[in-house]
């Protein structure tokens, strides 16, 4: 019965996690991660 308002750390930005839980249950989940700078080297 826990809320689906989830805030998760960077390690859970993972397809393995999404698939194991079911993405349909994670539509209110939000997370953060280190961002890719807007630079040609990243692209």
ModelCIF file with pLDDT and N, C-alpha, C, O atoms, coordinates in Angstrom:
data_MODEL
#
_entry.id   MODEL 
#
_entity.id                         1 
_entity.type                       polymer 
_entity.pdbx_number_of_molecules   1 
#
_entity_poly.entity_id                      1 
_entity_poly.type                           'polypeptide(L)' 
_entity_poly.nstd_linkage                   no 
_entity_poly.nstd_monomer                   no 
_entity_poly.pdbx_seq_one_letter_code       
;(UNK)(UNK)(UNK)(UNK)(UNK)(UNK)(UNK)(UNK)(UNK)(UNK)(UNK)(UNK)(UNK)(UNK)(UNK)(UNK)
(UNK)(UNK)(UNK)(UNK)(UNK)(UNK)(UNK)(UNK)(UNK)(UNK)(UNK)(UNK)(UNK)(UNK)(UNK)(UNK)
(UNK)(UNK)(UNK)(UNK)(UNK)(UNK)(UNK)(UNK)(UNK)(UNK)(UNK)
;
_entity_poly.pdbx_seq_one_letter_code_can   XXXXXXXXXXXXXXXXXXXXXXXXXXXXXXXXXXXXXXXXXXX 
_entity_poly.pdbx_strand_id                 A 
#
loop_
_entity_poly_seq.entity_id 
_entity_poly_seq.num 
_entity_poly_seq.mon_id 
_entity_poly_seq.hetero 
1 1  UNK n 
1 2  UNK n 
1 3  UNK n 
1 4  UNK n 
1 5  UNK n 
1 6  UNK n 
1 7  UNK n 
1 8  UNK n 
1 9  UNK n 
1 10 UNK n 
1 11 UNK n 
1 12 UNK n 
1 13 UNK n 
1 14 UNK n 
1 15 UNK n 
1 16 UNK n 
1 17 UNK n 
1 18 UNK n 
1 19 UNK n 
1 20 UNK n 
1 21 UNK n 
1 22 UNK n 
1 23 UNK n 
1 24 UNK n 
1 25 UNK n 
1 26 UNK n 
1 27 UNK n 
1 28 UNK n 
1 29 UNK n 
1 30 UNK n 
1 31 UNK n 
1 32 UNK n 
1 33 UNK n 
1 34 UNK n 
1 35 UNK n 
1 36 UNK n 
1 37 UNK n 
1 38 UNK n 
1 39 UNK n 
1 40 UNK n 
1 41 UNK n 
1 42 UNK n 
1 43 UNK n 
#
_struct_asym.id          A 
_struct_asym.entity_id   1 
#
loop_
_ma_qa_metric.id 
_ma_qa_metric.mode 
_ma_qa_metric.name 
_ma_qa_metric.software_group_id 
_ma_qa_metric.type 
1 global pLDDT . pLDDT 
2 local  pLDDT . pLDDT 
#
_ma_qa_metric_global.metric_id      1 
_ma_qa_metric_global.metric_value   92.53 
_ma_qa_metric_global.model_id       1 
_ma_qa_metric_global.ordinal_id     1 
#
loop_
_ma_qa_metric_local.label_asym_id 
_ma_qa_metric_local.label_comp_id 
_ma_qa_metric_local.label_seq_id 
_ma_qa_metric_local.metric_id 
_ma_qa_metric_local.metric_value 
_ma_qa_metric_local.model_id 
_ma_qa_metric_local.ordinal_id 
A UNK 1  2 97.00 1 1  
A UNK 2  2 98.00 1 2  
A UNK 3  2 98.00 1 3  
A UNK 4  2 98.00 1 4  
A UNK 5  2 98.00 1 5  
A UNK 6  2 98.00 1 6  
A UNK 7  2 98.00 1 7  
A UNK 8  2 98.00 1 8  
A UNK 9  2 94.00 1 9  
A UNK 10 2 89.00 1 10 
A UNK 11 2 87.00 1 11 
A UNK 12 2 93.00 1 12 
A UNK 13 2 91.00 1 13 
A UNK 14 2 87.00 1 14 
A UNK 15 2 87.00 1 15 
A UNK 16 2 87.00 1 16 
A UNK 17 2 94.00 1 17 
A UNK 18 2 96.00 1 18 
A UNK 19 2 95.00 1 19 
A UNK 20 2 96.00 1 20 
A UNK 21 2 98.00 1 21 
A UNK 22 2 97.00 1 22 
A UNK 23 2 97.00 1 23 
A UNK 24 2 97.00 1 24 
A UNK 25 2 98.00 1 25 
A UNK 26 2 98.00 1 26 
A UNK 27 2 98.00 1 27 
A UNK 28 2 98.00 1 28 
A UNK 29 2 98.00 1 29 
A UNK 30 2 98.00 1 30 
A UNK 31 2 97.00 1 31 
A UNK 32 2 94.00 1 32 
A UNK 33 2 88.00 1 33 
A UNK 34 2 82.00 1 34 
A UNK 35 2 80.00 1 35 
A UNK 36 2 75.00 1 36 
A UNK 37 2 76.00 1 37 
A UNK 38 2 78.00 1 38 
A UNK 39 2 83.00 1 39 
A UNK 40 2 91.00 1 40 
A UNK 41 2 93.00 1 41 
A UNK 42 2 92.00 1 42 
A UNK 43 2 94.00 1 43 
#
loop_
_atom_site.group_PDB 
_atom_site.id 
_atom_site.type_symbol 
_atom_site.label_atom_id 
_atom_site.label_alt_id 
_atom_site.label_comp_id 
_atom_site.label_asym_id 
_atom_site.label_entity_id 
_atom_site.label_seq_id 
_atom_site.pdbx_PDB_ins_code 
_atom_site.Cartn_x 
_atom_site.Cartn_y 
_atom_site.Cartn_z 
_atom_site.occupancy 
_atom_site.B_iso_or_equiv 
_atom_site.pdbx_formal_charge 
_atom_site.auth_seq_id 
_atom_site.auth_comp_id 
_atom_site.auth_asym_id 
_atom_site.auth_atom_id 
_atom_site.pdbx_PDB_model_num 
ATOM 1   N N  . UNK A 1 1  ? 0.778  -1.234 0.000   1.00 97.00 ? 1  UNK A N  1 
ATOM 2   C CA . UNK A 1 1  ? 0.000  0.000  0.000   1.00 97.00 ? 1  UNK A CA 1 
ATOM 3   C C  . UNK A 1 1  ? 0.803  1.274  0.000   1.00 97.00 ? 1  UNK A C  1 
ATOM 4   O O  . UNK A 1 1  ? 0.243  2.353  0.194   1.00 97.00 ? 1  UNK A O  1 
ATOM 5   N N  . UNK A 1 2  ? 2.114  1.180  -0.215  1.00 98.00 ? 2  UNK A N  1 
ATOM 6   C CA . UNK A 1 2  ? 2.936  2.383  -0.257  1.00 98.00 ? 2  UNK A CA 1 
ATOM 7   C C  . UNK A 1 2  ? 2.638  3.221  -1.484  1.00 98.00 ? 2  UNK A C  1 
ATOM 8   O O  . UNK A 1 2  ? 2.234  2.700  -2.524  1.00 98.00 ? 2  UNK A O  1 
ATOM 9   N N  . UNK A 1 3  ? 2.840  4.519  -1.356  1.00 98.00 ? 3  UNK A N  1 
ATOM 10  C CA . UNK A 1 3  ? 2.611  5.432  -2.467  1.00 98.00 ? 3  UNK A CA 1 
ATOM 11  C C  . UNK A 1 3  ? 3.535  5.131  -3.638  1.00 98.00 ? 3  UNK A C  1 
ATOM 12  O O  . UNK A 1 3  ? 4.645  4.629  -3.461  1.00 98.00 ? 3  UNK A O  1 
ATOM 13  N N  . UNK A 1 4  ? 3.055  5.449  -4.839  1.00 98.00 ? 4  UNK A N  1 
ATOM 14  C CA . UNK A 1 4  ? 3.930  5.290  -6.006  1.00 98.00 ? 4  UNK A CA 1 
ATOM 15  C C  . UNK A 1 4  ? 4.694  6.576  -6.315  1.00 98.00 ? 4  UNK A C  1 
ATOM 16  O O  . UNK A 1 4  ? 5.290  6.704  -7.385  1.00 98.00 ? 4  UNK A O  1 
ATOM 17  N N  . UNK A 1 5  ? 4.677  7.534  -5.374  1.00 98.00 ? 5  UNK A N  1 
ATOM 18  C CA . UNK A 1 5  ? 5.498  8.742  -5.491  1.00 98.00 ? 5  UNK A CA 1 
ATOM 19  C C  . UNK A 1 5  ? 6.916  8.400  -5.053  1.00 98.00 ? 5  UNK A C  1 
ATOM 20  O O  . UNK A 1 5  ? 7.280  8.590  -3.893  1.00 98.00 ? 5  UNK A O  1 
ATOM 21  N N  . UNK A 1 6  ? 7.699  7.904  -5.974  1.00 98.00 ? 6  UNK A N  1 
ATOM 22  C CA . UNK A 1 6  ? 9.042  7.419  -5.673  1.00 98.00 ? 6  UNK A CA 1 
ATOM 23  C C  . UNK A 1 6  ? 10.088 8.407  -6.175  1.00 98.00 ? 6  UNK A C  1 
ATOM 24  O O  . UNK A 1 6  ? 9.993  8.914  -7.293  1.00 98.00 ? 6  UNK A O  1 
ATOM 25  N N  . UNK A 1 7  ? 11.085 8.674  -5.337  1.00 98.00 ? 7  UNK A N  1 
ATOM 26  C CA . UNK A 1 7  ? 12.295 9.392  -5.730  1.00 98.00 ? 7  UNK A CA 1 
ATOM 27  C C  . UNK A 1 7  ? 13.441 8.398  -5.558  1.00 98.00 ? 7  UNK A C  1 
ATOM 28  O O  . UNK A 1 7  ? 13.632 7.858  -4.469  1.00 98.00 ? 7  UNK A O  1 
ATOM 29  N N  . UNK A 1 8  ? 14.200 8.154  -6.619  1.00 98.00 ? 8  UNK A N  1 
ATOM 30  C CA . UNK A 1 8  ? 15.212 7.093  -6.549  1.00 98.00 ? 8  UNK A CA 1 
ATOM 31  C C  . UNK A 1 8  ? 16.591 7.644  -6.897  1.00 98.00 ? 8  UNK A C  1 
ATOM 32  O O  . UNK A 1 8  ? 16.721 8.624  -7.631  1.00 98.00 ? 8  UNK A O  1 
ATOM 33  N N  . UNK A 1 9  ? 17.617 6.991  -6.351  1.00 94.00 ? 9  UNK A N  1 
ATOM 34  C CA . UNK A 1 9  ? 18.993 7.423  -6.605  1.00 94.00 ? 9  UNK A CA 1 
ATOM 35  C C  . UNK A 1 9  ? 19.452 6.974  -7.983  1.00 94.00 ? 9  UNK A C  1 
ATOM 36  O O  . UNK A 1 9  ? 18.743 6.247  -8.680  1.00 94.00 ? 9  UNK A O  1 
ATOM 37  N N  . UNK A 1 10 ? 20.636 7.411  -8.367  1.00 89.00 ? 10 UNK A N  1 
ATOM 38  C CA . UNK A 1 10 ? 21.117 7.215  -9.736  1.00 89.00 ? 10 UNK A CA 1 
ATOM 39  C C  . UNK A 1 10 ? 21.242 5.752  -10.136 1.00 89.00 ? 10 UNK A C  1 
ATOM 40  O O  . UNK A 1 10 ? 21.069 5.424  -11.310 1.00 89.00 ? 10 UNK A O  1 
ATOM 41  N N  . UNK A 1 11 ? 21.538 4.863  -9.187  1.00 87.00 ? 11 UNK A N  1 
ATOM 42  C CA . UNK A 1 11 ? 21.754 3.454  -9.531  1.00 87.00 ? 11 UNK A CA 1 
ATOM 43  C C  . UNK A 1 11 ? 20.486 2.779  -10.039 1.00 87.00 ? 11 UNK A C  1 
ATOM 44  O O  . UNK A 1 11 ? 20.558 1.741  -10.698 1.00 87.00 ? 11 UNK A O  1 
ATOM 45  N N  . UNK A 1 12 ? 19.334 3.353  -9.742  1.00 93.00 ? 12 UNK A N  1 
ATOM 46  C CA . UNK A 1 12 ? 18.078 2.756  -10.196 1.00 93.00 ? 12 UNK A CA 1 
ATOM 47  C C  . UNK A 1 12 ? 17.629 3.305  -11.540 1.00 93.00 ? 12 UNK A C  1 
ATOM 48  O O  . UNK A 1 12 ? 16.535 2.986  -12.005 1.00 93.00 ? 12 UNK A O  1 
ATOM 49  N N  . UNK A 1 13 ? 18.440 4.104  -12.154 1.00 91.00 ? 13 UNK A N  1 
ATOM 50  C CA . UNK A 1 13 ? 18.176 4.502  -13.545 1.00 91.00 ? 13 UNK A CA 1 
ATOM 51  C C  . UNK A 1 13 ? 18.700 3.384  -14.442 1.00 91.00 ? 13 UNK A C  1 
ATOM 52  O O  . UNK A 1 13 ? 19.710 3.522  -15.132 1.00 91.00 ? 13 UNK A O  1 
ATOM 53  N N  . UNK A 1 14 ? 17.982 2.293  -14.404 1.00 87.00 ? 14 UNK A N  1 
ATOM 54  C CA . UNK A 1 14 ? 18.456 1.040  -14.999 1.00 87.00 ? 14 UNK A CA 1 
ATOM 55  C C  . UNK A 1 14 ? 17.292 0.273  -15.598 1.00 87.00 ? 14 UNK A C  1 
ATOM 56  O O  . UNK A 1 14 ? 16.265 0.091  -14.945 1.00 87.00 ? 14 UNK A O  1 
ATOM 57  N N  . UNK A 1 15 ? 17.444 -0.181 -16.838 1.00 87.00 ? 15 UNK A N  1 
ATOM 58  C CA . UNK A 1 15 ? 16.407 -0.987 -17.478 1.00 87.00 ? 15 UNK A CA 1 
ATOM 59  C C  . UNK A 1 15 ? 16.128 -2.261 -16.696 1.00 87.00 ? 15 UNK A C  1 
ATOM 60  O O  . UNK A 1 15 ? 14.999 -2.750 -16.683 1.00 87.00 ? 15 UNK A O  1 
ATOM 61  N N  . UNK A 1 16 ? 17.156 -2.800 -16.044 1.00 87.00 ? 16 UNK A N  1 
ATOM 62  C CA . UNK A 1 16 ? 16.957 -4.022 -15.261 1.00 87.00 ? 16 UNK A CA 1 
ATOM 63  C C  . UNK A 1 16 ? 15.969 -3.775 -14.119 1.00 87.00 ? 16 UNK A C  1 
ATOM 64  O O  . UNK A 1 16 ? 15.100 -4.603 -13.847 1.00 87.00 ? 16 UNK A O  1 
ATOM 65  N N  . UNK A 1 17 ? 16.113 -2.636 -13.464 1.00 94.00 ? 17 UNK A N  1 
ATOM 66  C CA . UNK A 1 17 ? 15.195 -2.277 -12.382 1.00 94.00 ? 17 UNK A CA 1 
ATOM 67  C C  . UNK A 1 17 ? 13.786 -2.042 -12.927 1.00 94.00 ? 17 UNK A C  1 
ATOM 68  O O  . UNK A 1 17 ? 12.817 -2.554 -12.367 1.00 94.00 ? 17 UNK A O  1 
ATOM 69  N N  . UNK A 1 18 ? 13.663 -1.280 -14.002 1.00 96.00 ? 18 UNK A N  1 
ATOM 70  C CA . UNK A 1 18 ? 12.350 -0.989 -14.576 1.00 96.00 ? 18 UNK A CA 1 
ATOM 71  C C  . UNK A 1 18 ? 11.621 -2.276 -14.950 1.00 96.00 ? 18 UNK A C  1 
ATOM 72  O O  . UNK A 1 18 ? 10.432 -2.429 -14.670 1.00 96.00 ? 18 UNK A O  1 
ATOM 73  N N  . UNK A 1 19 ? 12.340 -3.196 -15.584 1.00 95.00 ? 19 UNK A N  1 
ATOM 74  C CA . UNK A 1 19 ? 11.719 -4.440 -16.033 1.00 95.00 ? 19 UNK A CA 1 
ATOM 75  C C  . UNK A 1 19 ? 11.352 -5.340 -14.869 1.00 95.00 ? 19 UNK A C  1 
ATOM 76  O O  . UNK A 1 19 ? 10.320 -6.010 -14.900 1.00 95.00 ? 19 UNK A O  1 
ATOM 77  N N  . UNK A 1 20 ? 12.197 -5.360 -13.833 1.00 96.00 ? 20 UNK A N  1 
ATOM 78  C CA . UNK A 1 20 ? 11.932 -6.232 -12.684 1.00 96.00 ? 20 UNK A CA 1 
ATOM 79  C C  . UNK A 1 20 ? 10.689 -5.786 -11.909 1.00 96.00 ? 20 UNK A C  1 
ATOM 80  O O  . UNK A 1 20 ? 9.939  -6.617 -11.397 1.00 96.00 ? 20 UNK A O  1 
ATOM 81  N N  . UNK A 1 21 ? 10.477 -4.469 -11.828 1.00 98.00 ? 21 UNK A N  1 
ATOM 82  C CA . UNK A 1 21 ? 9.292  -3.958 -11.129 1.00 98.00 ? 21 UNK A CA 1 
ATOM 83  C C  . UNK A 1 21 ? 8.087  -3.926 -12.056 1.00 98.00 ? 21 UNK A C  1 
ATOM 84  O O  . UNK A 1 21 ? 6.971  -4.251 -11.650 1.00 98.00 ? 21 UNK A O  1 
ATOM 85  N N  . UNK A 1 22 ? 8.315  -3.537 -13.290 1.00 97.00 ? 22 UNK A N  1 
ATOM 86  C CA . UNK A 1 22 ? 7.239  -3.300 -14.260 1.00 97.00 ? 22 UNK A CA 1 
ATOM 87  C C  . UNK A 1 22 ? 7.076  -1.806 -14.452 1.00 97.00 ? 22 UNK A C  1 
ATOM 88  O O  . UNK A 1 22 ? 6.648  -1.104 -13.535 1.00 97.00 ? 22 UNK A O  1 
ATOM 89  N N  . UNK A 1 23 ? 7.412  -1.315 -15.633 1.00 97.00 ? 23 UNK A N  1 
ATOM 90  C CA . UNK A 1 23 ? 7.387  0.129  -15.860 1.00 97.00 ? 23 UNK A CA 1 
ATOM 91  C C  . UNK A 1 23 ? 6.003  0.722  -15.666 1.00 97.00 ? 23 UNK A C  1 
ATOM 92  O O  . UNK A 1 23 ? 5.872  1.909  -15.368 1.00 97.00 ? 23 UNK A O  1 
ATOM 93  N N  . UNK A 1 24 ? 4.957  -0.104 -15.834 1.00 97.00 ? 24 UNK A N  1 
ATOM 94  C CA . UNK A 1 24 ? 3.589  0.413  -15.651 1.00 97.00 ? 24 UNK A CA 1 
ATOM 95  C C  . UNK A 1 24 ? 3.333  0.845  -14.212 1.00 97.00 ? 24 UNK A C  1 
ATOM 96  O O  . UNK A 1 24 ? 2.435  1.646  -13.955 1.00 97.00 ? 24 UNK A O  1 
ATOM 97  N N  . UNK A 1 25 ? 4.119  0.318  -13.271 1.00 98.00 ? 25 UNK A N  1 
ATOM 98  C CA . UNK A 1 25 ? 3.952  0.681  -11.858 1.00 98.00 ? 25 UNK A CA 1 
ATOM 99  C C  . UNK A 1 25 ? 4.853  1.842  -11.441 1.00 98.00 ? 25 UNK A C  1 
ATOM 100 O O  . UNK A 1 25 ? 4.821  2.274  -10.289 1.00 98.00 ? 25 UNK A O  1 
ATOM 101 N N  . UNK A 1 26 ? 5.647  2.340  -12.371 1.00 98.00 ? 26 UNK A N  1 
ATOM 102 C CA . UNK A 1 26 ? 6.666  3.337  -12.039 1.00 98.00 ? 26 UNK A CA 1 
ATOM 103 C C  . UNK A 1 26 ? 6.440  4.670  -12.749 1.00 98.00 ? 26 UNK A C  1 
ATOM 104 O O  . UNK A 1 26 ? 7.374  5.455  -12.906 1.00 98.00 ? 26 UNK A O  1 
ATOM 105 N N  . UNK A 1 27 ? 5.233  4.922  -13.168 1.00 98.00 ? 27 UNK A N  1 
ATOM 106 C CA . UNK A 1 27 ? 4.980  6.136  -13.941 1.00 98.00 ? 27 UNK A CA 1 
ATOM 107 C C  . UNK A 1 27 ? 5.032  7.406  -13.094 1.00 98.00 ? 27 UNK A C  1 
ATOM 108 O O  . UNK A 1 27 ? 5.175  8.498  -13.645 1.00 98.00 ? 27 UNK A O  1 
ATOM 109 N N  . UNK A 1 28 ? 4.919  7.293  -11.783 1.00 98.00 ? 28 UNK A N  1 
ATOM 110 C CA . UNK A 1 28 ? 5.078  8.459  -10.910 1.00 98.00 ? 28 UNK A CA 1 
ATOM 111 C C  . UNK A 1 28 ? 6.465  8.526  -10.269 1.00 98.00 ? 28 UNK A C  1 
ATOM 112 O O  . UNK A 1 28 ? 6.724  9.384  -9.426  1.00 98.00 ? 28 UNK A O  1 
ATOM 113 N N  . UNK A 1 29 ? 7.341  7.631  -10.666 1.00 98.00 ? 29 UNK A N  1 
ATOM 114 C CA . UNK A 1 29 ? 8.707  7.625  -10.155 1.00 98.00 ? 29 UNK A CA 1 
ATOM 115 C C  . UNK A 1 29 ? 9.516  8.741  -10.809 1.00 98.00 ? 29 UNK A C  1 
ATOM 116 O O  . UNK A 1 29 ? 9.347  9.038  -11.991 1.00 98.00 ? 29 UNK A O  1 
ATOM 117 N N  . UNK A 1 30 ? 10.400 9.356  -10.015 1.00 98.00 ? 30 UNK A N  1 
ATOM 118 C CA . UNK A 1 30 ? 11.358 10.322 -10.538 1.00 98.00 ? 30 UNK A CA 1 
ATOM 119 C C  . UNK A 1 30 ? 12.742 9.994  -9.982  1.00 98.00 ? 30 UNK A C  1 
ATOM 120 O O  . UNK A 1 30 ? 12.865 9.392  -8.915  1.00 98.00 ? 30 UNK A O  1 
ATOM 121 N N  . UNK A 1 31 ? 13.761 10.387 -10.702 1.00 97.00 ? 31 UNK A N  1 
ATOM 122 C CA . UNK A 1 31 ? 15.115 10.125 -10.241 1.00 97.00 ? 31 UNK A CA 1 
ATOM 123 C C  . UNK A 1 31 ? 16.062 11.204 -10.694 1.00 97.00 ? 31 UNK A C  1 
ATOM 124 O O  . UNK A 1 31 ? 15.669 12.149 -11.378 1.00 97.00 ? 31 UNK A O  1 
ATOM 125 N N  . UNK A 1 32 ? 17.314 11.058 -10.310 1.00 94.00 ? 32 UNK A N  1 
ATOM 126 C CA . UNK A 1 32 ? 18.360 12.003 -10.700 1.00 94.00 ? 32 UNK A CA 1 
ATOM 127 C C  . UNK A 1 32 ? 19.591 11.208 -11.101 1.00 94.00 ? 32 UNK A C  1 
ATOM 128 O O  . UNK A 1 32 ? 19.708 10.021 -10.798 1.00 94.00 ? 32 UNK A O  1 
ATOM 129 N N  . UNK A 1 33 ? 20.488 11.867 -11.773 1.00 88.00 ? 33 UNK A N  1 
ATOM 130 C CA . UNK A 1 33 ? 21.757 11.241 -12.138 1.00 88.00 ? 33 UNK A CA 1 
ATOM 131 C C  . UNK A 1 33 ? 22.718 12.359 -12.522 1.00 88.00 ? 33 UNK A C  1 
ATOM 132 O O  . UNK A 1 33 ? 22.306 13.503 -12.717 1.00 88.00 ? 33 UNK A O  1 
ATOM 133 N N  . UNK A 1 34 ? 23.997 12.022 -12.628 1.00 82.00 ? 34 UNK A N  1 
ATOM 134 C CA . UNK A 1 34 ? 24.910 12.967 -13.235 1.00 82.00 ? 34 UNK A CA 1 
ATOM 135 C C  . UNK A 1 34 ? 24.482 13.173 -14.678 1.00 82.00 ? 34 UNK A C  1 
ATOM 136 O O  . UNK A 1 34 ? 24.121 12.219 -15.368 1.00 82.00 ? 34 UNK A O  1 
ATOM 137 N N  . UNK A 1 35 ? 24.522 14.402 -15.125 1.00 80.00 ? 35 UNK A N  1 
ATOM 138 C CA . UNK A 1 35 ? 24.065 14.718 -16.474 1.00 80.00 ? 35 UNK A CA 1 
ATOM 139 C C  . UNK A 1 35 ? 25.225 14.684 -17.449 1.00 80.00 ? 35 UNK A C  1 
ATOM 140 O O  . UNK A 1 35 ? 26.388 14.833 -17.073 1.00 80.00 ? 35 UNK A O  1 
ATOM 141 N N  . UNK A 1 36 ? 24.887 14.487 -18.685 1.00 75.00 ? 36 UNK A N  1 
ATOM 142 C CA . UNK A 1 36 ? 25.867 14.600 -19.746 1.00 75.00 ? 36 UNK A CA 1 
ATOM 143 C C  . UNK A 1 36 ? 25.967 16.074 -20.135 1.00 75.00 ? 36 UNK A C  1 
ATOM 144 O O  . UNK A 1 36 ? 24.974 16.661 -20.564 1.00 75.00 ? 36 UNK A O  1 
ATOM 145 N N  . UNK A 1 37 ? 27.155 16.686 -19.994 1.00 76.00 ? 37 UNK A N  1 
ATOM 146 C CA . UNK A 1 37 ? 27.293 18.078 -20.425 1.00 76.00 ? 37 UNK A CA 1 
ATOM 147 C C  . UNK A 1 37 ? 26.927 18.226 -21.898 1.00 76.00 ? 37 UNK A C  1 
ATOM 148 O O  . UNK A 1 37 ? 27.058 17.287 -22.683 1.00 76.00 ? 37 UNK A O  1 
ATOM 149 N N  . UNK A 1 38 ? 26.480 19.391 -22.247 1.00 78.00 ? 38 UNK A N  1 
ATOM 150 C CA . UNK A 1 38 ? 26.098 19.650 -23.642 1.00 78.00 ? 38 UNK A CA 1 
ATOM 151 C C  . UNK A 1 38 ? 27.357 19.951 -24.445 1.00 78.00 ? 38 UNK A C  1 
ATOM 152 O O  . UNK A 1 38 ? 27.632 21.101 -24.789 1.00 78.00 ? 38 UNK A O  1 
ATOM 153 N N  . UNK A 1 39 ? 28.116 18.894 -24.736 1.00 83.00 ? 39 UNK A N  1 
ATOM 154 C CA . UNK A 1 39 ? 29.396 19.044 -25.409 1.00 83.00 ? 39 UNK A CA 1 
ATOM 155 C C  . UNK A 1 39 ? 29.530 18.033 -26.544 1.00 83.00 ? 39 UNK A C  1 
ATOM 156 O O  . UNK A 1 39 ? 28.976 16.938 -26.460 1.00 83.00 ? 39 UNK A O  1 
ATOM 157 N N  . UNK A 1 40 ? 30.258 18.383 -27.603 1.00 91.00 ? 40 UNK A N  1 
ATOM 158 C CA . UNK A 1 40 ? 30.470 17.439 -28.711 1.00 91.00 ? 40 UNK A CA 1 
ATOM 159 C C  . UNK A 1 40 ? 31.153 16.146 -28.277 1.00 91.00 ? 40 UNK A C  1 
ATOM 160 O O  . UNK A 1 40 ? 30.883 15.086 -28.843 1.00 91.00 ? 40 UNK A O  1 
ATOM 161 N N  . UNK A 1 41 ? 32.041 16.219 -27.275 1.00 93.00 ? 41 UNK A N  1 
ATOM 162 C CA . UNK A 1 41 ? 32.750 15.014 -26.841 1.00 93.00 ? 41 UNK A CA 1 
ATOM 163 C C  . UNK A 1 41 ? 31.779 13.971 -26.281 1.00 93.00 ? 41 UNK A C  1 
ATOM 164 O O  . UNK A 1 41 ? 31.970 12.769 -26.460 1.00 93.00 ? 41 UNK A O  1 
ATOM 165 N N  . UNK A 1 42 ? 30.734 14.452 -25.601 1.00 92.00 ? 42 UNK A N  1 
ATOM 166 C CA . UNK A 1 42 ? 29.736 13.536 -25.045 1.00 92.00 ? 42 UNK A CA 1 
ATOM 167 C C  . UNK A 1 42 ? 28.924 12.908 -26.165 1.00 92.00 ? 42 UNK A C  1 
ATOM 168 O O  . UNK A 1 42 ? 28.665 11.704 -26.158 1.00 92.00 ? 42 UNK A O  1 
ATOM 169 N N  . UNK A 1 43 ? 28.527 13.728 -27.123 1.00 94.00 ? 43 UNK A N  1 
ATOM 170 C CA . UNK A 1 43 ? 27.782 13.204 -28.277 1.00 94.00 ? 43 UNK A CA 1 
ATOM 171 C C  . UNK A 1 43 ? 28.611 12.173 -29.030 1.00 94.00 ? 43 UNK A C  1 
ATOM 172 O O  . UNK A 1 43 ? 28.151 11.622 -30.030 1.00 94.00 ? 43 UNK A O  1 
#
